[in-house]
PDB file of N, CA and C in Angstrom:
ATOM      1  N   MET A   1     -29.492 -22.969 -40.217  1.00  0.00           N
ATOM      2  CA  MET A   1     -30.028 -24.331 -40.569  1.00  0.00           C
ATOM      3  C   MET A   1     -30.771 -24.848 -39.178  1.00  0.00           C
ATOM      4  N   ASP A   2     -31.913 -25.341 -39.254  1.00  0.00           N
ATOM      5  CA  ASP A   2     -32.651 -26.099 -38.161  1.00  0.00           C
ATOM      6  C   ASP A   2     -31.898 -27.286 -37.933  1.00  0.00           C
ATOM      7  N   LEU A   3     -32.133 -27.875 -36.635  1.00  0.00           N
ATOM      8  CA  LEU A   3     -31.823 -29.051 -36.319  1.00  0.00           C
ATOM      9  C   LEU A   3     -32.576 -30.285 -37.250  1.00  0.00           C
ATOM     10  N   LYS A   4     -33.897 -30.094 -37.907  1.00  0.00           N
ATOM     11  CA  LYS A   4     -34.494 -31.049 -38.826  1.00  0.00           C
ATOM     12  C   LYS A   4     -33.730 -31.208 -40.000  1.00  0.00           C
ATOM     13  N   GLU A   5     -33.354 -29.992 -40.396  1.00  0.00           N
ATOM     14  CA  GLU A   5     -32.459 -30.012 -41.678  1.00  0.00           C
ATOM     15  C   GLU A   5     -31.105 -30.575 -41.446  1.00  0.00           C
ATOM     16  N   VAL A   6     -30.541 -30.357 -40.442  1.00  0.00           N
ATOM     17  CA  VAL A   6     -29.235 -30.968 -39.668  1.00  0.00           C
ATOM     18  C   VAL A   6     -29.332 -32.556 -39.810  1.00  0.00           C
ATOM     19  N   MET A   7     -30.282 -33.125 -39.044  1.00  0.00           N
ATOM     20  CA  MET A   7     -30.661 -34.515 -39.106  1.00  0.00           C
ATOM     21  C   MET A   7     -30.710 -35.165 -40.542  1.00  0.00           C
ATOM     22  N   ALA A   8     -31.722 -34.142 -41.404  1.00  0.00           N
ATOM     23  CA  ALA A   8     -31.914 -34.848 -42.500  1.00  0.00           C
ATOM     24  C   ALA A   8     -30.604 -35.164 -43.477  1.00  0.00           C
ATOM     25  N   ILE A   9     -29.708 -34.029 -43.454  1.00  0.00           N
ATOM     26  CA  ILE A   9     -28.429 -34.106 -44.101  1.00  0.00           C
ATOM     27  C   ILE A   9     -27.502 -35.178 -43.474  1.00  0.00           C
ATOM     28  N   ASN A  10     -27.281 -35.509 -42.191  1.00  0.00           N
ATOM     29  CA  ASN A  10     -26.869 -36.357 -41.462  1.00  0.00           C
ATOM     30  C   ASN A  10     -27.125 -37.768 -41.801  1.00  0.00           C
ATOM     31  N   LEU A  11     -28.516 -38.065 -41.620  1.00  0.00           N
ATOM     32  CA  LEU A  11     -29.024 -39.469 -41.676  1.00  0.00           C
ATOM     33  C   LEU A  11     -28.897 -39.794 -43.367  1.00  0.00           C
ATOM     34  N   ARG A  12     -29.069 -38.952 -44.240  1.00  0.00           N
ATOM     35  CA  ARG A  12     -28.892 -39.213 -45.593  1.00  0.00           C
ATOM     36  C   ARG A  12     -27.538 -39.549 -45.909  1.00  0.00           C
ATOM     37  N   ARG A  13     -26.661 -38.659 -45.348  1.00  0.00           N
ATOM     38  CA  ARG A  13     -24.967 -38.914 -45.691  1.00  0.00           C
ATOM     39  C   ARG A  13     -24.768 -40.317 -45.004  1.00  0.00           C
ATOM     40  N   ILE A  14     -25.020 -40.627 -43.732  1.00  0.00           N
ATOM     41  CA  ILE A  14     -24.685 -41.884 -43.300  1.00  0.00           C
ATOM     42  C   ILE A  14     -25.146 -43.139 -43.980  1.00  0.00           C
ATOM     43  N   ARG A  15     -26.588 -43.178 -44.523  1.00  0.00           N
ATOM     44  CA  ARG A  15     -27.158 -44.086 -44.844  1.00  0.00           C
ATOM     45  C   ARG A  15     -26.579 -44.317 -46.176  1.00  0.00           C
ATOM     46  N   HIS A  16     -26.311 -43.483 -46.780  1.00  0.00           N
ATOM     47  CA  HIS A  16     -25.525 -43.559 -48.080  1.00  0.00           C
ATOM     48  C   HIS A  16     -23.844 -43.957 -48.118  1.00  0.00           C
ATOM     49  N   GLU A  17     -23.635 -43.653 -47.025  1.00  0.00           N
ATOM     50  CA  GLU A  17     -22.118 -44.223 -46.604  1.00  0.00           C
ATOM     51  C   GLU A  17     -21.863 -45.628 -46.462  1.00  0.00           C
ATOM     52  N   ARG A  18     -23.103 -46.178 -45.756  1.00  0.00           N
ATOM     53  CA  ARG A  18     -23.312 -47.596 -45.414  1.00  0.00           C
ATOM     54  C   ARG A  18     -23.924 -48.228 -46.637  1.00  0.00           C
ATOM     55  N   GLN A  19     -24.091 -47.450 -47.575  1.00  0.00           N
ATOM     56  CA  GLN A  19     -24.979 -48.333 -48.726  1.00  0.00           C
ATOM     57  C   GLN A  19     -26.237 -49.044 -48.310  1.00  0.00           C
ATOM     58  N   ILE A  20     -27.123 -48.328 -47.560  1.00  0.00           N
ATOM     59  CA  ILE A  20     -28.214 -48.789 -46.888  1.00  0.00           C
ATOM     60  C   ILE A  20     -29.559 -48.128 -47.674  1.00  0.00           C
ATOM     61  N   THR A  21     -30.563 -48.712 -48.256  1.00  0.00           N
ATOM     62  CA  THR A  21     -31.776 -47.912 -48.610  1.00  0.00           C
ATOM     63  C   THR A  21     -32.527 -47.546 -47.478  1.00  0.00           C
ATOM     64  N   GLN A  22     -33.429 -46.408 -47.926  1.00  0.00           N
ATOM     65  CA  GLN A  22     -34.453 -46.030 -46.991  1.00  0.00           C
ATOM     66  C   GLN A  22     -35.325 -47.431 -46.331  1.00  0.00           C
ATOM     67  N   GLU A  23     -35.640 -48.279 -47.347  1.00  0.00           N
ATOM     68  CA  GLU A  23     -36.348 -49.379 -46.970  1.00  0.00           C
ATOM     69  C   GLU A  23     -35.725 -50.248 -45.844  1.00  0.00           C
ATOM     70  N   GLU A  24     -34.599 -50.338 -46.117  1.00  0.00           N
ATOM     71  CA  GLU A  24     -33.712 -51.125 -45.269  1.00  0.00           C
ATOM     72  C   GLU A  24     -33.661 -50.796 -43.875  1.00  0.00           C
ATOM     73  N   LEU A  25     -33.654 -49.324 -44.026  1.00  0.00           N
ATOM     74  CA  LEU A  25     -33.151 -48.475 -42.700  1.00  0.00           C
ATOM     75  C   LEU A  25     -34.666 -48.874 -41.593  1.00  0.00           C
ATOM     76  N   ALA A  26     -35.892 -48.493 -42.780  1.00  0.00           N
ATOM     77  CA  ALA A  26     -37.019 -48.691 -42.132  1.00  0.00           C
ATOM     78  C   ALA A  26     -37.188 -49.738 -41.337  1.00  0.00           C
ATOM     79  N   TYR A  27     -36.722 -50.964 -41.948  1.00  0.00           N
ATOM     80  CA  TYR A  27     -36.852 -52.091 -41.419  1.00  0.00           C
ATOM     81  C   TYR A  27     -36.216 -52.290 -40.414  1.00  0.00           C
ATOM     82  N   MET A  28     -34.997 -52.075 -40.367  1.00  0.00           N
ATOM     83  CA  MET A  28     -33.936 -51.881 -39.339  1.00  0.00           C
ATOM     84  C   MET A  28     -34.475 -51.482 -37.940  1.00  0.00           C
ATOM     85  N   SER A  29     -35.089 -50.101 -38.219  1.00  0.00           N
ATOM     86  CA  SER A  29     -35.545 -49.190 -37.018  1.00  0.00           C
ATOM     87  C   SER A  29     -36.993 -49.320 -36.370  1.00  0.00           C
ATOM     88  N   GLY A  30     -37.654 -50.567 -37.442  1.00  0.00           N
ATOM     89  CA  GLY A  30     -39.129 -50.356 -37.174  1.00  0.00           C
ATOM     90  C   GLY A  30     -39.925 -49.171 -37.154  1.00  0.00           C
ATOM     91  N   ILE A  31     -39.678 -48.474 -38.458  1.00  0.00           N
ATOM     92  CA  ILE A  31     -40.330 -47.196 -38.478  1.00  0.00           C
ATOM     93  C   ILE A  31     -40.671 -47.552 -40.222  1.00  0.00           C
ATOM     94  N   SER A  32     -41.694 -46.595 -40.832  1.00  0.00           N
ATOM     95  CA  SER A  32     -41.835 -46.814 -41.910  1.00  0.00           C
ATOM     96  C   SER A  32     -40.888 -46.349 -43.044  1.00  0.00           C
ATOM     97  N   ALA A  33     -40.675 -46.801 -44.214  1.00  0.00           N
ATOM     98  CA  ALA A  33     -39.923 -46.197 -45.390  1.00  0.00           C
ATOM     99  C   ALA A  33     -40.324 -44.869 -45.617  1.00  0.00           C
ATOM    100  N   ARG A  34     -41.489 -44.686 -45.677  1.00  0.00           N
ATOM    101  CA  ARG A  34     -41.925 -43.244 -46.180  1.00  0.00           C
ATOM    102  C   ARG A  34     -41.873 -42.146 -45.102  1.00  0.00           C
ATOM    103  N   TYR A  35     -41.720 -42.639 -43.713  1.00  0.00           N
ATOM    104  CA  TYR A  35     -41.041 -41.644 -42.835  1.00  0.00           C
ATOM    105  C   TYR A  35     -39.743 -41.320 -42.839  1.00  0.00           C
ATOM    106  N   VAL A  36     -39.186 -42.466 -43.062  1.00  0.00           N
ATOM    107  CA  VAL A  36     -37.350 -42.472 -42.992  1.00  0.00           C
ATOM    108  C   VAL A  36     -37.510 -41.049 -44.377  1.00  0.00           C
ATOM    109  N   GLY A  37     -38.248 -41.504 -45.515  1.00  0.00           N
ATOM    110  CA  GLY A  37     -37.949 -40.712 -46.559  1.00  0.00           C
ATOM    111  C   GLY A  37     -38.400 -38.871 -46.212  1.00  0.00           C
ATOM    112  N   SER A  38     -39.268 -38.864 -45.181  1.00  0.00           N
ATOM    113  CA  SER A  38     -39.807 -37.730 -44.832  1.00  0.00           C
ATOM    114  C   SER A  38     -38.709 -36.789 -43.856  1.00  0.00           C
ATOM    115  N   ILE A  39     -38.085 -37.659 -43.028  1.00  0.00           N
ATOM    116  CA  ILE A  39     -37.297 -37.001 -42.342  1.00  0.00           C
ATOM    117  C   ILE A  39     -36.072 -36.855 -43.017  1.00  0.00           C
ATOM    118  N   GLU A  40     -35.623 -37.559 -43.807  1.00  0.00           N
ATOM    119  CA  GLU A  40     -34.489 -37.043 -45.134  1.00  0.00           C
ATOM    120  C   GLU A  40     -34.931 -36.020 -45.819  1.00  0.00           C
ATOM    121  N   ARG A  41     -36.161 -35.297 -46.094  1.00  0.00           N
ATOM    122  CA  ARG A  41     -36.748 -34.218 -46.871  1.00  0.00           C
ATOM    123  C   ARG A  41     -36.516 -33.061 -46.041  1.00  0.00           C
ATOM    124  N   ALA A  42     -36.675 -33.350 -44.530  1.00  0.00           N
ATOM    125  CA  ALA A  42     -36.882 -32.551 -43.385  1.00  0.00           C
ATOM    126  C   ALA A  42     -38.165 -31.956 -43.502  1.00  0.00           C
ATOM    127  N   ASP A  43     -39.014 -32.904 -44.154  1.00  0.00           N
ATOM    128  CA  ASP A  43     -40.757 -32.807 -43.996  1.00  0.00           C
ATOM    129  C   ASP A  43     -41.127 -32.758 -42.748  1.00  0.00           C
ATOM    130  N   LYS A  44     -40.422 -33.807 -42.145  1.00  0.00           N
ATOM    131  CA  LYS A  44     -40.860 -34.185 -40.682  1.00  0.00           C
ATOM    132  C   LYS A  44     -39.863 -34.259 -39.537  1.00  0.00           C
ATOM    133  N   SER A  45     -40.213 -34.024 -38.308  1.00  0.00           N
ATOM    134  CA  SER A  45     -39.512 -33.941 -37.336  1.00  0.00           C
ATOM    135  C   SER A  45     -39.298 -35.339 -36.628  1.00  0.00           C
ATOM    136  N   ALA A  46     -38.288 -35.467 -36.539  1.00  0.00           N
ATOM    137  CA  ALA A  46     -38.202 -37.335 -35.800  1.00  0.00           C
ATOM    138  C   ALA A  46     -38.299 -36.819 -33.896  1.00  0.00           C
ATOM    139  N   SER A  47     -39.019 -37.585 -33.652  1.00  0.00           N
ATOM    140  CA  SER A  47     -39.190 -37.359 -32.152  1.00  0.00           C
ATOM    141  C   SER A  47     -37.785 -38.393 -31.401  1.00  0.00           C
ATOM    142  N   VAL A  48     -37.524 -38.152 -30.100  1.00  0.00           N
ATOM    143  CA  VAL A  48     -36.394 -38.568 -29.799  1.00  0.00           C
ATOM    144  C   VAL A  48     -36.783 -40.008 -29.888  1.00  0.00           C
ATOM    145  N   THR A  49     -37.774 -40.647 -29.463  1.00  0.00           N
ATOM    146  CA  THR A  49     -37.903 -42.458 -29.672  1.00  0.00           C
ATOM    147  C   THR A  49     -37.478 -42.302 -31.188  1.00  0.00           C
ATOM    148  N   VAL A  50     -37.947 -41.836 -32.168  1.00  0.00           N
ATOM    149  CA  VAL A  50     -37.593 -42.303 -33.524  1.00  0.00           C
ATOM    150  C   VAL A  50     -35.913 -42.067 -33.668  1.00  0.00           C
ATOM    151  N   LEU A  51     -35.608 -40.831 -33.131  1.00  0.00           N
ATOM    152  CA  LEU A  51     -33.889 -40.589 -33.141  1.00  0.00           C
ATOM    153  C   LEU A  51     -33.130 -41.871 -32.623  1.00  0.00           C
ATOM    154  N   GLY A  52     -33.668 -42.289 -31.348  1.00  0.00           N
ATOM    155  CA  GLY A  52     -33.075 -43.434 -30.704  1.00  0.00           C
ATOM    156  C   GLY A  52     -33.051 -44.777 -31.603  1.00  0.00           C
ATOM    157  N   LYS A  53     -34.285 -44.951 -32.208  1.00  0.00           N
ATOM    158  CA  LYS A  53     -34.389 -46.246 -33.173  1.00  0.00           C
ATOM    159  C   LYS A  53     -33.482 -46.158 -34.298  1.00  0.00           C
ATOM    160  N   ILE A  54     -33.519 -44.968 -34.914  1.00  0.00           N
ATOM    161  CA  ILE A  54     -32.583 -44.622 -36.065  1.00  0.00           C
ATOM    162  C   ILE A  54     -31.077 -44.999 -35.721  1.00  0.00           C
ATOM    163  N   SER A  55     -30.753 -44.266 -34.540  1.00  0.00           N
ATOM    164  CA  SER A  55     -29.213 -44.362 -34.606  1.00  0.00           C
ATOM    165  C   SER A  55     -28.972 -45.407 -33.806  1.00  0.00           C
ATOM    166  N   GLU A  56     -29.836 -46.287 -33.267  1.00  0.00           N
ATOM    167  CA  GLU A  56     -29.416 -47.712 -32.845  1.00  0.00           C
ATOM    168  C   GLU A  56     -29.238 -48.931 -33.871  1.00  0.00           C
ATOM    169  N   ALA A  57     -30.391 -48.456 -34.710  1.00  0.00           N
ATOM    170  CA  ALA A  57     -30.153 -49.372 -36.129  1.00  0.00           C
ATOM    171  C   ALA A  57     -28.782 -49.013 -37.054  1.00  0.00           C
ATOM    172  N   LEU A  58     -28.372 -47.914 -37.099  1.00  0.00           N
ATOM    173  CA  LEU A  58     -27.174 -47.574 -37.764  1.00  0.00           C
ATOM    174  C   LEU A  58     -26.011 -48.025 -36.803  1.00  0.00           C
ATOM    175  N   ASN A  59     -26.017 -48.036 -35.637  1.00  0.00           N
ATOM    176  CA  ASN A  59     -25.051 -48.443 -34.522  1.00  0.00           C
ATOM    177  C   ASN A  59     -24.202 -47.093 -34.319  1.00  0.00           C
ATOM    178  N   ILE A  60     -24.934 -46.063 -34.388  1.00  0.00           N
ATOM    179  CA  ILE A  60     -24.440 -44.948 -33.836  1.00  0.00           C
ATOM    180  C   ILE A  60     -24.834 -43.895 -32.744  1.00  0.00           C
ATOM    181  N   ASP A  61     -23.919 -43.243 -31.940  1.00  0.00           N
ATOM    182  CA  ASP A  61     -24.657 -42.339 -31.146  1.00  0.00           C
ATOM    183  C   ASP A  61     -25.608 -41.300 -31.761  1.00  0.00           C
ATOM    184  N   PRO A  62     -26.741 -41.446 -30.827  1.00  0.00           N
ATOM    185  CA  PRO A  62     -27.781 -40.275 -31.435  1.00  0.00           C
ATOM    186  C   PRO A  62     -27.098 -38.857 -32.000  1.00  0.00           C
ATOM    187  N   THR A  63     -25.969 -38.549 -31.016  1.00  0.00           N
ATOM    188  CA  THR A  63     -25.652 -37.010 -31.577  1.00  0.00           C
ATOM    189  C   THR A  63     -25.007 -37.153 -32.891  1.00  0.00           C
ATOM    190  N   GLU A  64     -24.662 -37.900 -33.313  1.00  0.00           N
ATOM    191  CA  GLU A  64     -23.976 -38.188 -34.867  1.00  0.00           C
ATOM    192  C   GLU A  64     -25.110 -37.504 -35.616  1.00  0.00           C
ATOM    193  N   LEU A  65     -26.371 -37.818 -35.446  1.00  0.00           N
ATOM    194  CA  LEU A  65     -27.410 -37.271 -36.201  1.00  0.00           C
ATOM    195  C   LEU A  65     -27.598 -35.682 -36.207  1.00  0.00           C
ATOM    196  N   LEU A  66     -27.389 -35.351 -34.879  1.00  0.00           N
ATOM    197  CA  LEU A  66     -27.625 -33.812 -34.767  1.00  0.00           C
ATOM    198  C   LEU A  66     -26.451 -32.969 -34.788  1.00  0.00           C
ATOM    199  N   ARG A  67     -25.335 -33.348 -35.019  1.00  0.00           N
ATOM    200  CA  ARG A  67     -24.234 -32.773 -35.157  1.00  0.00           C
ATOM    201  C   ARG A  67     -23.921 -31.765 -36.603  1.00  0.00           C
ATOM    202  N   THR A  68     -23.896 -30.504 -36.129  1.00  0.00           N
ATOM    203  CA  THR A  68     -23.476 -29.386 -37.039  1.00  0.00           C
ATOM    204  C   THR A  68     -21.957 -29.382 -37.498  1.00  0.00           C
ATOM    205  N   THR A  69     -21.608 -28.769 -38.478  1.00  0.00           N
ATOM    206  CA  THR A  69     -20.278 -28.453 -39.114  1.00  0.00           C
ATOM    207  C   THR A  69     -20.388 -27.192 -38.971  1.00  0.00           C
ATOM    208  N   ARG A  70     -19.356 -26.515 -37.963  1.00  0.00           N
ATOM    209  CA  ARG A  70     -19.089 -25.075 -37.882  1.00  0.00           C
ATOM    210  C   ARG A  70     -18.160 -24.756 -39.120  1.00  0.00           C
ATOM    211  N   LYS A  71     -18.560 -23.402 -39.691  1.00  0.00           N
ATOM    212  CA  LYS A  71     -17.354 -23.019 -40.711  1.00  0.00           C
ATOM    213  C   LYS A  71     -16.966 -22.090 -39.704  1.00  0.00           C
TER     214      LYS A  71
END
């Protein structure tokens, strides 16, 4: 699994845990809802700037979005 997919999974999980819609997250982070959706589907890779905006909006360390679970 590449980092784009890891970020997609983590972003969707964290957003759902906090009961935030894609539109709300987009507003909070200053990016478009369409872009949030494309990141969550792993259609697009987020730049480090966008990674920072999203993690700041969610009040998490950016590494939380890139953390993989090893089995």
